[in-house]
């Protein structure tokens, strides 16, 4: 939920957000992600790569804290 809030996905539930990610990168549709699927999926999806990168970039968190 914190990742969603930082990146502007607050209009989705945590479950909807997780399902969206799985649909993008679970290529064999088995409901599980292997490390290989995760890496390939993130590398192929520019939006997801940006989301993951921003999630690990604490500058947005610092801005939110500084602005109250």
C-alpha atoms as a PDB file:
ATOM      1  CA  UNK A   1       0.000   0.000   0.000  1.00  0.00           C
ATOM      2  CA  UNK A   2       2.910   2.344   0.733  1.00  0.00           C
ATOM      3  CA  UNK A   3       4.366   1.724  -2.732  1.00  0.00           C
ATOM      4  CA  UNK A   4       0.969   2.455  -4.257  1.00  0.00           C
ATOM      5  CA  UNK A   5       0.641   5.726  -2.323  1.00  0.00           C
ATOM      6  CA  UNK A   6       4.127   6.923  -3.198  1.00  0.00           C
ATOM      7  CA  UNK A   7       3.570   6.234  -6.886  1.00  0.00           C
ATOM      8  CA  UNK A   8      -0.009   7.473  -7.247  1.00  0.00           C
ATOM      9  CA  UNK A   9      -1.910   4.169  -7.409  1.00  0.00           C
ATOM     10  CA  UNK A  10      -4.143   4.969  -4.441  1.00  0.00           C
ATOM     11  CA  UNK A  11      -7.343   4.385  -6.432  1.00  0.00           C
ATOM     12  CA  UNK A  12      -6.705   0.595  -6.369  1.00  0.00           C
ATOM     13  CA  UNK A  13      -6.866  -1.851  -3.523  1.00  0.00           C
ATOM     14  CA  UNK A  14      -3.616  -3.627  -2.631  1.00  0.00           C
ATOM     15  CA  UNK A  15      -5.099  -6.811  -4.122  1.00  0.00           C
ATOM     16  CA  UNK A  16      -6.004  -5.092  -7.407  1.00  0.00           C
ATOM     17  CA  UNK A  17      -2.513  -3.579  -7.587  1.00  0.00           C
ATOM     18  CA  UNK A  18      -0.879  -6.972  -6.991  1.00  0.00           C
ATOM     19  CA  UNK A  19      -3.133  -8.622  -9.578  1.00  0.00           C
ATOM     20  CA  UNK A  20      -2.200  -5.946 -12.120  1.00  0.00           C
ATOM     21  CA  UNK A  21       1.500  -6.658 -11.580  1.00  0.00           C
ATOM     22  CA  UNK A  22       0.981 -10.431 -11.818  1.00  0.00           C
ATOM     23  CA  UNK A  23      -1.004 -10.088 -15.055  1.00  0.00           C
ATOM     24  CA  UNK A  24       1.849  -8.128 -16.582  1.00  0.00           C
ATOM     25  CA  UNK A  25       4.682 -10.488 -15.690  1.00  0.00           C
ATOM     26  CA  UNK A  26       3.298 -13.982 -14.932  1.00  0.00           C
ATOM     27  CA  UNK A  27       3.790 -15.123 -18.524  1.00  0.00           C
ATOM     28  CA  UNK A  28       2.858 -18.766 -17.979  1.00  0.00           C
ATOM     29  CA  UNK A  29      -0.224 -17.803 -15.884  1.00  0.00           C
ATOM     30  CA  UNK A  30       0.521 -20.260 -13.079  1.00  0.00           C
ATOM     31  CA  UNK A  31      -0.126 -17.699 -10.328  1.00  0.00           C
ATOM     32  CA  UNK A  32       3.491 -17.754  -9.233  1.00  0.00           C
ATOM     33  CA  UNK A  33       6.476 -15.667 -10.225  1.00  0.00           C
ATOM     34  CA  UNK A  34       9.878 -17.155 -10.710  1.00  0.00           C
ATOM     35  CA  UNK A  35      12.855 -14.845 -10.407  1.00  0.00           C
ATOM     36  CA  UNK A  36      13.340 -15.175 -14.164  1.00  0.00           C
ATOM     37  CA  UNK A  37       9.718 -14.164 -14.885  1.00  0.00           C
ATOM     38  CA  UNK A  38      10.021 -11.211 -12.546  1.00  0.00           C
ATOM     39  CA  UNK A  39      13.271  -9.938 -14.069  1.00  0.00           C
ATOM     40  CA  UNK A  40      12.101 -10.449 -17.665  1.00  0.00           C
ATOM     41  CA  UNK A  41       8.715  -8.904 -16.952  1.00  0.00           C
ATOM     42  CA  UNK A  42      10.140  -5.815 -15.326  1.00  0.00           C
ATOM     43  CA  UNK A  43      12.759  -5.370 -18.049  1.00  0.00           C
ATOM     44  CA  UNK A  44      10.118  -5.599 -20.816  1.00  0.00           C
ATOM     45  CA  UNK A  45       7.577  -3.242 -19.215  1.00  0.00           C
ATOM     46  CA  UNK A  46       8.835   0.331 -19.099  1.00  0.00           C
ATOM     47  CA  UNK A  47       6.032   1.472 -16.792  1.00  0.00           C
ATOM     48  CA  UNK A  48       6.645  -1.348 -14.351  1.00  0.00           C
ATOM     49  CA  UNK A  49      10.402  -0.702 -14.433  1.00  0.00           C
ATOM     50  CA  UNK A  50       9.730   2.934 -13.580  1.00  0.00           C
ATOM     51  CA  UNK A  51       7.362   1.925 -10.780  1.00  0.00           C
ATOM     52  CA  UNK A  52       9.908  -0.471  -9.270  1.00  0.00           C
ATOM     53  CA  UNK A  53      12.706   2.088  -9.626  1.00  0.00           C
ATOM     54  CA  UNK A  54      10.630   4.793  -7.939  1.00  0.00           C
ATOM     55  CA  UNK A  55       9.672   2.395  -5.173  1.00  0.00           C
ATOM     56  CA  UNK A  56      13.321   1.993  -4.244  1.00  0.00           C
ATOM     57  CA  UNK A  57      14.082   5.692  -4.711  1.00  0.00           C
ATOM     58  CA  UNK A  58      13.620   7.254  -1.291  1.00  0.00           C
ATOM     59  CA  UNK A  59      13.683  10.832  -2.591  1.00  0.00           C
ATOM     60  CA  UNK A  60       9.863  10.755  -2.995  1.00  0.00           C
ATOM     61  CA  UNK A  61       9.503   9.564   0.596  1.00  0.00           C
ATOM     62  CA  UNK A  62      11.779  12.334   1.834  1.00  0.00           C
ATOM     63  CA  UNK A  63       9.755  14.947  -0.090  1.00  0.00           C
ATOM     64  CA  UNK A  64       6.525  13.671   1.453  1.00  0.00           C
ATOM     65  CA  UNK A  65       8.035  13.754   4.938  1.00  0.00           C
ATOM     66  CA  UNK A  66       9.447  17.251   4.435  1.00  0.00           C
ATOM     67  CA  UNK A  67       6.110  18.553   3.176  1.00  0.00           C
ATOM     68  CA  UNK A  68       4.257  17.075   6.139  1.00  0.00           C
END
